[in-house]
Amino acid sequence: MTSPLDGKRSRVPLYRQVERELLRRIRARELTPGQRLPTEPELAAQWGVNQLTIRQAIGELTIVPRDVVGIGSASGQSQ
C-alpha cells in the first residue's frame, strides 16, 4: 500500500502529516466515533514511520480542540 504521507522531503514534519491523515480519515468517516484506531505499531508499519511519530501525532489530536469527537487511544486502551 502506498503511504498517504508526503514523506521526509516535505517541509511538513512527519507527525503533522500523520495527524493530517488521521483527521482526513475521521472527517471522511473512514474512522467512526467509538471505533478504535489501529495500534501504534500497525500505523507505523502501514505508513513507514517510527512509532514515536505516530504517538506524537495522536498526542496532538488529543490536546488541540478540533471539530471532531471520539478520538480514542491508538494503544487500544480506553480513556
C-alpha atoms as a PDB file:
ATOM      1  CA  MET A   1       0.000   0.000   0.000  1.00  0.00           C
ATOM      2  CA  THR A   2       1.270   3.459  -0.842  1.00  0.00           C
ATOM      3  CA  SER A   3       1.668   5.856   2.058  1.00  0.00           C
ATOM      4  CA  PRO A   4      -0.666   8.873   2.040  1.00  0.00           C
ATOM      5  CA  LEU A   5       2.112  10.909   3.633  1.00  0.00           C
ATOM      6  CA  ASP A   6       4.235  13.429   1.733  1.00  0.00           C
ATOM      7  CA  GLY A   7       7.384  11.876   3.121  1.00  0.00           C
ATOM      8  CA  LYS A   8      10.557  13.163   4.648  1.00  0.00           C
ATOM      9  CA  ARG A   9      11.247  15.596   1.787  1.00  0.00           C
ATOM     10  CA  SER A  10       8.228  17.671   2.747  1.00  0.00           C
ATOM     11  CA  ARG A  11       8.685  20.755   4.905  1.00  0.00           C
ATOM     12  CA  VAL A  12       5.771  19.491   6.993  1.00  0.00           C
ATOM     13  CA  PRO A  13       7.009  17.345   9.902  1.00  0.00           C
ATOM     14  CA  LEU A  14       6.037  13.676   9.645  1.00  0.00           C
ATOM     15  CA  TYR A  15       3.938  13.797  12.818  1.00  0.00           C
ATOM     16  CA  ARG A  16       1.885  16.649  11.306  1.00  0.00           C
ATOM     17  CA  GLN A  17       1.431  14.623   8.121  1.00  0.00           C
ATOM     18  CA  VAL A  18       0.171  11.685  10.201  1.00  0.00           C
ATOM     19  CA  GLU A  19      -2.100  13.990  12.199  1.00  0.00           C
ATOM     20  CA  ARG A  20      -3.497  15.458   8.968  1.00  0.00           C
ATOM     21  CA  GLU A  21      -4.133  11.981   7.505  1.00  0.00           C
ATOM     22  CA  LEU A  22      -5.883  10.771  10.654  1.00  0.00           C
ATOM     23  CA  LEU A  23      -8.107  13.874  10.622  1.00  0.00           C
ATOM     24  CA  ARG A  24      -8.874  13.298   6.946  1.00  0.00           C
ATOM     25  CA  ARG A  25      -9.953   9.735   7.713  1.00  0.00           C
ATOM     26  CA  ILE A  26     -12.124  10.888  10.607  1.00  0.00           C
ATOM     27  CA  ARG A  27     -13.809  13.591   8.529  1.00  0.00           C
ATOM     28  CA  ALA A  28     -14.326  11.148   5.657  1.00  0.00           C
ATOM     29  CA  ARG A  29     -15.922   8.749   8.142  1.00  0.00           C
ATOM     30  CA  GLU A  30     -13.318   6.097   7.376  1.00  0.00           C
ATOM     31  CA  LEU A  31     -12.803   6.171  11.151  1.00  0.00           C
ATOM     32  CA  THR A  32     -16.075   6.432  13.012  1.00  0.00           C
ATOM     33  CA  PRO A  33     -16.952   7.534  16.552  1.00  0.00           C
ATOM     34  CA  GLY A  34     -16.197   4.767  19.011  1.00  0.00           C
ATOM     35  CA  GLN A  35     -14.002   2.896  16.559  1.00  0.00           C
ATOM     36  CA  ARG A  36     -10.543   2.150  17.872  1.00  0.00           C
ATOM     37  CA  LEU A  37      -7.560   3.267  15.903  1.00  0.00           C
ATOM     38  CA  PRO A  38      -5.093   0.659  14.749  1.00  0.00           C
ATOM     39  CA  THR A  39      -2.224   0.213  17.202  1.00  0.00           C
ATOM     40  CA  GLU A  40       0.829   2.451  17.055  1.00  0.00           C
ATOM     41  CA  PRO A  41       2.969  -0.376  15.606  1.00  0.00           C
ATOM     42  CA  GLU A  42       0.325  -1.082  12.943  1.00  0.00           C
ATOM     43  CA  LEU A  43       0.073   2.580  11.908  1.00  0.00           C
ATOM     44  CA  ALA A  44       3.856   2.968  11.945  1.00  0.00           C
ATOM     45  CA  ALA A  45       4.294  -0.067   9.691  1.00  0.00           C
ATOM     46  CA  GLN A  46       1.426   0.997   7.417  1.00  0.00           C
ATOM     47  CA  TRP A  47       2.890   4.463   6.847  1.00  0.00           C
ATOM     48  CA  GLY A  48       6.599   3.655   7.145  1.00  0.00           C
ATOM     49  CA  VAL A  49       7.272   5.937  10.108  1.00  0.00           C
ATOM     50  CA  ASN A  50       8.530   5.490  13.660  1.00  0.00           C
ATOM     51  CA  GLN A  51       6.069   4.658  16.443  1.00  0.00           C
ATOM     52  CA  LEU A  52       7.123   7.866  18.217  1.00  0.00           C
ATOM     53  CA  THR A  53       5.919   9.814  15.171  1.00  0.00           C
ATOM     54  CA  ILE A  54       2.522   8.114  15.480  1.00  0.00           C
ATOM     55  CA  ARG A  55       2.398   8.765  19.228  1.00  0.00           C
ATOM     56  CA  GLN A  56       3.220  12.448  18.759  1.00  0.00           C
ATOM     57  CA  ALA A  57       0.537  12.862  16.081  1.00  0.00           C
ATOM     58  CA  ILE A  58      -2.102  11.223  18.257  1.00  0.00           C
ATOM     59  CA  GLY A  59      -0.976  13.356  21.187  1.00  0.00           C
ATOM     60  CA  GLU A  60      -1.539  16.465  19.095  1.00  0.00           C
ATOM     61  CA  LEU A  61      -5.013  15.278  18.153  1.00  0.00           C
ATOM     62  CA  THR A  62      -5.952  14.809  21.794  1.00  0.00           C
ATOM     63  CA  ILE A  63      -4.669  18.181  23.083  1.00  0.00           C
ATOM     64  CA  VAL A  64      -5.779  20.522  20.310  1.00  0.00           C
ATOM     65  CA  PRO A  65      -9.515  21.317  20.150  1.00  0.00           C
ATOM     66  CA  ARG A  66     -10.953  20.018  16.890  1.00  0.00           C
ATOM     67  CA  ASP A  67     -14.319  19.799  15.221  1.00  0.00           C
ATOM     68  CA  VAL A  68     -14.196  16.027  15.623  1.00  0.00           C
ATOM     69  CA  VAL A  69     -15.068  13.960  18.660  1.00  0.00           C
ATOM     70  CA  GLY A  70     -14.422  10.457  19.845  1.00  0.00           C
ATOM     71  CA  ILE A  71     -10.735  10.240  19.081  1.00  0.00           C
ATOM     72  CA  GLY A  72      -9.536   7.249  21.068  1.00  0.00           C
ATOM     73  CA  SER A  73      -6.206   5.866  22.078  1.00  0.00           C
ATOM     74  CA  ALA A  74      -4.042   4.228  19.451  1.00  0.00           C
ATOM     75  CA  SER A  75      -2.764   1.829  22.070  1.00  0.00           C
ATOM     76  CA  GLY A  76      -6.239   0.323  22.281  1.00  0.00           C
ATOM     77  CA  GLN A  77      -6.722   1.352  25.895  1.00  0.00           C
ATOM     78  CA  SER A  78      -9.950   3.067  26.806  1.00  0.00           C
ATOM     79  CA  GLN A  79      -9.775   6.639  28.042  1.00  0.00           C
END
